[in-house]
Amino acid sequence: MKPFSYQKPDSADAAVGMVAPMTPAGQGGAFLAGGTTVLDLMKLHVLTPDSLTDVTRVLPTGIEDRDGALHVGAGTTMAAAAEHPAFRDWAPVLSDSLWKAAAPQIRNVATLGGNVLQRTRCPYFRDTASPCNKREPGSGCAATGGINRLLAVLGTSESCIATYAGDWANALILFDTEVQITGPDGDRTMPFADQPRGRDHPG
């Protein structure tokens, strides 16, 4: 694993200011919450951030009913959300998409925020011996001529045919979910379906 610096901010605003942006010379910084994906990718040298910013104590947690609308904290674990009565009894698609998504050990530490921010990827993304435009832009796409039966048919490009891995995110769109985002320009709220894909755009 590549050496990296570790930081644990006291607020969300501080966390945003600590993460270096991605540059042509490197991957910049990364956020760390449950770590179930980030740490795996770092061990494989797929993700090599210069720093990890631990946001576990600044992310909101829990699920609350406020005036008929559910407010869900990004730091809530997949396991806690899957078992919450608001999901289990009134919106089972949200519960089912979480408890069927991973093993219990993963669900107990993985956060909802991290779950929806999963990278769009295919098996070749983790294989550093194969070209992958998601991992290294411009290197090529091994999936287009390789094992690709379970990959995307629609919404692809010549450079990538990977599929997004998060079932829960797709379920959220059914409920016209809105997401509150904290960034360099302050807080803003936007429809979940309109979240920018940034570096994960297939092109």
Protein backbone atom coordinates (compact mmCIF):
# COMPACT_ATOMS: atom_id res chain seq x y z
CA MET A 1 0.00 0.00 0.00
CA LYS A 2 1.30 3.44 -0.93
CA PRO A 3 2.18 5.68 2.05
CA PHE A 4 -0.47 8.31 2.80
CA SER A 5 -1.27 10.94 5.41
CA TYR A 6 -4.24 10.50 7.76
CA GLN A 7 -6.43 13.26 9.14
CA LYS A 8 -9.56 13.32 11.28
CA PRO A 9 -11.40 16.66 11.11
CA ASP A 10 -13.91 17.95 13.67
CA SER A 11 -16.47 19.26 11.17
CA ALA A 12 -17.78 18.61 7.68
CA ASP A 13 -16.55 22.01 6.49
CA ALA A 14 -13.07 21.22 7.78
CA ALA A 15 -13.13 17.85 6.03
CA VAL A 16 -13.97 19.45 2.69
CA GLY A 17 -11.04 21.81 3.05
CA MET A 18 -8.61 19.01 3.86
CA VAL A 19 -9.11 16.84 0.78
CA ALA A 20 -6.79 17.69 -2.09
CA PRO A 21 -8.41 17.55 -5.55
CA MET A 22 -7.38 14.99 -8.13
CA THR A 23 -4.63 16.25 -10.44
CA PRO A 24 -2.93 14.89 -13.59
CA ALA A 25 0.04 13.98 -11.39
CA GLY A 26 -1.90 12.01 -8.78
CA GLN A 27 -5.24 11.00 -7.28
CA GLY A 28 -5.31 13.69 -4.60
CA GLY A 29 -7.10 12.78 -1.38
CA ALA A 30 -9.95 10.47 -0.42
CA PHE A 31 -12.59 10.39 2.28
CA LEU A 32 -12.79 7.47 4.71
CA ALA A 33 -15.93 6.34 6.56
CA GLY A 34 -16.67 2.60 6.72
CA GLY A 35 -13.67 1.97 4.48
CA THR A 36 -15.02 -1.28 3.05
CA THR A 37 -14.23 -0.25 -0.53
CA VAL A 38 -11.55 2.42 -0.16
CA LEU A 39 -9.16 0.22 1.85
CA ASP A 40 -9.61 -2.76 -0.48
CA LEU A 41 -8.78 -0.63 -3.51
CA MET A 42 -5.75 0.83 -1.75
CA LYS A 43 -4.41 -2.64 -0.95
CA LEU A 44 -4.72 -3.53 -4.64
CA HIS A 45 -3.00 -0.27 -5.67
CA VAL A 46 -6.08 0.65 -7.67
CA LEU A 47 -6.65 3.68 -5.47
CA THR A 48 -3.50 5.50 -4.32
CA PRO A 49 -4.57 8.70 -2.53
CA ASP A 50 -2.02 11.02 -1.01
CA SER A 51 -4.21 11.40 2.07
CA LEU A 52 -7.22 9.85 3.82
CA THR A 53 -9.67 12.16 5.57
CA ASP A 54 -11.64 10.24 8.21
CA VAL A 55 -15.20 11.60 8.33
CA THR A 56 -16.75 9.02 10.63
CA ARG A 57 -17.38 11.49 13.45
CA VAL A 58 -18.65 14.36 11.28
CA LEU A 59 -21.21 12.46 9.18
CA PRO A 60 -24.80 12.61 10.45
CA THR A 61 -26.26 9.26 11.51
CA GLY A 62 -29.73 7.88 12.11
CA ILE A 63 -33.11 7.97 10.39
CA GLU A 64 -35.75 10.48 11.52
CA ASP A 65 -39.31 11.25 10.46
CA ARG A 66 -39.66 15.03 10.27
CA ASP A 67 -43.06 16.30 9.14
CA GLY A 68 -43.72 13.22 7.05
CA ALA A 69 -40.31 13.15 5.36
CA LEU A 70 -37.52 10.75 6.28
CA HIS A 71 -34.12 12.30 6.95
CA VAL A 72 -31.34 9.75 6.59
CA GLY A 73 -27.79 10.41 7.80
CA ALA A 74 -24.96 9.53 5.43
CA GLY A 75 -23.03 7.95 8.31
CA THR A 76 -25.79 5.44 9.08
CA THR A 77 -24.63 1.88 8.47
CA MET A 78 -26.26 -0.32 5.88
CA ALA A 79 -27.24 -2.80 8.62
CA ALA A 80 -28.98 -0.17 10.77
CA ALA A 81 -30.90 1.21 7.81
CA ALA A 82 -31.94 -2.23 6.54
CA GLU A 83 -33.50 -3.04 9.91
CA HIS A 84 -35.14 0.34 10.50
CA PRO A 85 -38.97 0.08 10.66
CA ALA A 86 -39.42 3.06 8.34
CA PHE A 87 -37.70 1.11 5.59
CA ARG A 88 -38.57 -2.45 6.54
CA ASP A 89 -42.31 -1.85 6.99
CA TRP A 90 -43.13 1.09 4.72
CA ALA A 91 -40.50 0.98 1.97
CA PRO A 92 -39.26 -2.63 1.77
CA VAL A 93 -37.41 -1.98 -1.49
CA LEU A 94 -35.01 0.23 0.48
CA SER A 95 -34.53 -2.42 3.16
CA ASP A 96 -34.17 -5.32 0.72
CA SER A 97 -31.68 -3.49 -1.50
CA LEU A 98 -29.41 -3.03 1.53
CA TRP A 99 -29.52 -6.36 3.32
CA LYS A 100 -29.13 -8.29 0.06
CA ALA A 101 -26.19 -6.15 -1.08
CA ALA A 102 -23.38 -7.53 1.04
CA ALA A 103 -22.31 -9.91 3.80
CA PRO A 104 -23.27 -9.01 7.41
CA GLN A 105 -19.70 -8.04 8.25
CA ILE A 106 -19.74 -5.45 5.47
CA ARG A 107 -23.23 -4.12 6.26
CA ASN A 108 -22.26 -3.55 9.89
CA VAL A 109 -19.56 -1.02 8.99
CA ALA A 110 -20.36 0.26 5.48
CA THR A 111 -22.15 3.62 5.45
CA LEU A 112 -25.05 4.73 3.31
CA GLY A 113 -23.04 7.68 2.03
CA GLY A 114 -20.22 5.43 0.92
CA ASN A 115 -22.66 2.99 -0.63
CA VAL A 116 -24.16 5.54 -3.01
CA LEU A 117 -20.72 6.93 -3.90
CA GLN A 118 -19.39 3.61 -5.16
CA ARG A 119 -17.30 3.89 -8.29
CA THR A 120 -18.87 2.69 -11.52
CA ARG A 121 -16.68 -0.27 -12.34
CA CYS A 122 -16.35 -3.79 -13.74
CA PRO A 123 -14.06 -6.68 -12.68
CA TYR A 124 -11.23 -5.28 -14.79
CA PHE A 125 -11.16 -2.14 -12.62
CA ARG A 126 -9.51 -4.15 -9.84
CA ASP A 127 -7.13 -5.96 -12.18
CA THR A 128 -4.13 -3.65 -12.48
CA ALA A 129 -2.64 -5.91 -15.17
CA SER A 130 -5.50 -5.04 -17.54
CA PRO A 131 -6.23 -1.65 -19.13
CA CYS A 132 -9.11 0.27 -17.59
CA ASN A 133 -10.17 3.82 -18.44
CA LYS A 134 -11.89 4.17 -15.05
CA ARG A 135 -8.67 3.36 -13.24
CA GLU A 136 -6.27 5.05 -15.67
CA PRO A 137 -7.94 7.37 -18.21
CA GLY A 138 -6.75 6.73 -21.75
CA SER A 139 -5.35 3.26 -21.07
CA GLY A 140 -8.18 1.42 -22.83
CA CYS A 141 -11.06 -0.86 -21.81
CA ALA A 142 -10.33 -4.57 -21.38
CA ALA A 143 -14.03 -5.33 -20.95
CA THR A 144 -15.04 -4.37 -24.49
CA GLY A 145 -13.22 -7.40 -25.88
CA GLY A 146 -13.10 -9.50 -22.74
CA ILE A 147 -15.57 -11.07 -20.32
CA ASN A 148 -18.50 -8.66 -20.49
CA ARG A 149 -21.72 -10.65 -20.49
CA LEU A 150 -22.97 -9.03 -17.25
CA LEU A 151 -21.92 -5.48 -18.11
CA ALA A 152 -23.93 -2.57 -19.46
CA VAL A 153 -25.82 -2.46 -22.74
CA LEU A 154 -27.31 1.04 -22.44
CA GLY A 155 -25.59 4.23 -21.33
CA THR A 156 -22.13 3.10 -22.41
CA SER A 157 -19.43 4.65 -24.56
CA GLU A 158 -16.50 3.41 -26.63
CA SER A 159 -14.25 3.83 -23.60
CA CYS A 160 -16.30 2.04 -20.90
CA ILE A 161 -19.13 -0.46 -20.56
CA ALA A 162 -19.07 -0.76 -16.77
CA THR A 163 -22.22 -0.72 -14.65
CA TYR A 164 -22.95 1.11 -11.41
CA ALA A 165 -22.92 -1.34 -8.48
CA GLY A 166 -25.32 0.30 -6.01
CA ASP A 167 -28.84 -1.15 -5.83
CA TRP A 168 -29.82 1.15 -2.96
CA ALA A 169 -29.09 4.28 -5.00
CA ASN A 170 -31.46 3.12 -7.72
CA ALA A 171 -34.14 2.43 -5.11
CA LEU A 172 -33.74 5.96 -3.72
CA ILE A 173 -34.59 7.45 -7.11
CA LEU A 174 -38.02 5.78 -6.95
CA PHE A 175 -38.89 7.95 -3.92
CA ASP A 176 -37.82 11.29 -5.45
CA THR A 177 -35.06 11.50 -2.84
CA GLU A 178 -33.15 14.73 -2.32
CA VAL A 179 -29.57 14.85 -1.07
CA GLN A 180 -27.86 17.55 0.95
CA ILE A 181 -24.28 18.14 -0.13
CA THR A 182 -21.53 19.98 1.71
CA GLY A 183 -18.81 21.30 -0.56
CA PRO A 184 -16.28 24.11 -1.05
CA ASP A 185 -19.10 26.49 -1.99
CA GLY A 186 -21.26 25.64 1.05
CA ASP A 187 -24.33 23.44 1.45
CA ARG A 188 -26.83 22.73 -1.29
CA THR A 189 -29.74 20.35 -1.85
CA MET A 190 -30.46 18.61 -5.13
CA PRO A 191 -32.50 15.67 -6.45
CA PHE A 192 -30.61 12.44 -5.90
CA ALA A 193 -31.15 11.44 -9.52
CA ASP A 194 -29.27 14.58 -10.65
CA GLN A 195 -26.06 13.91 -8.75
CA PRO A 196 -23.07 14.64 -11.00
CA ARG A 197 -21.07 11.57 -11.97
CA GLY A 198 -17.81 13.49 -12.38
CA ARG A 199 -14.85 11.18 -12.98
CA ASP A 200 -17.17 8.18 -13.26
CA HIS A 201 -18.84 9.31 -16.48
CA PRO A 202 -18.48 6.44 -18.99
CA GLY A 203 -16.73 8.75 -21.44
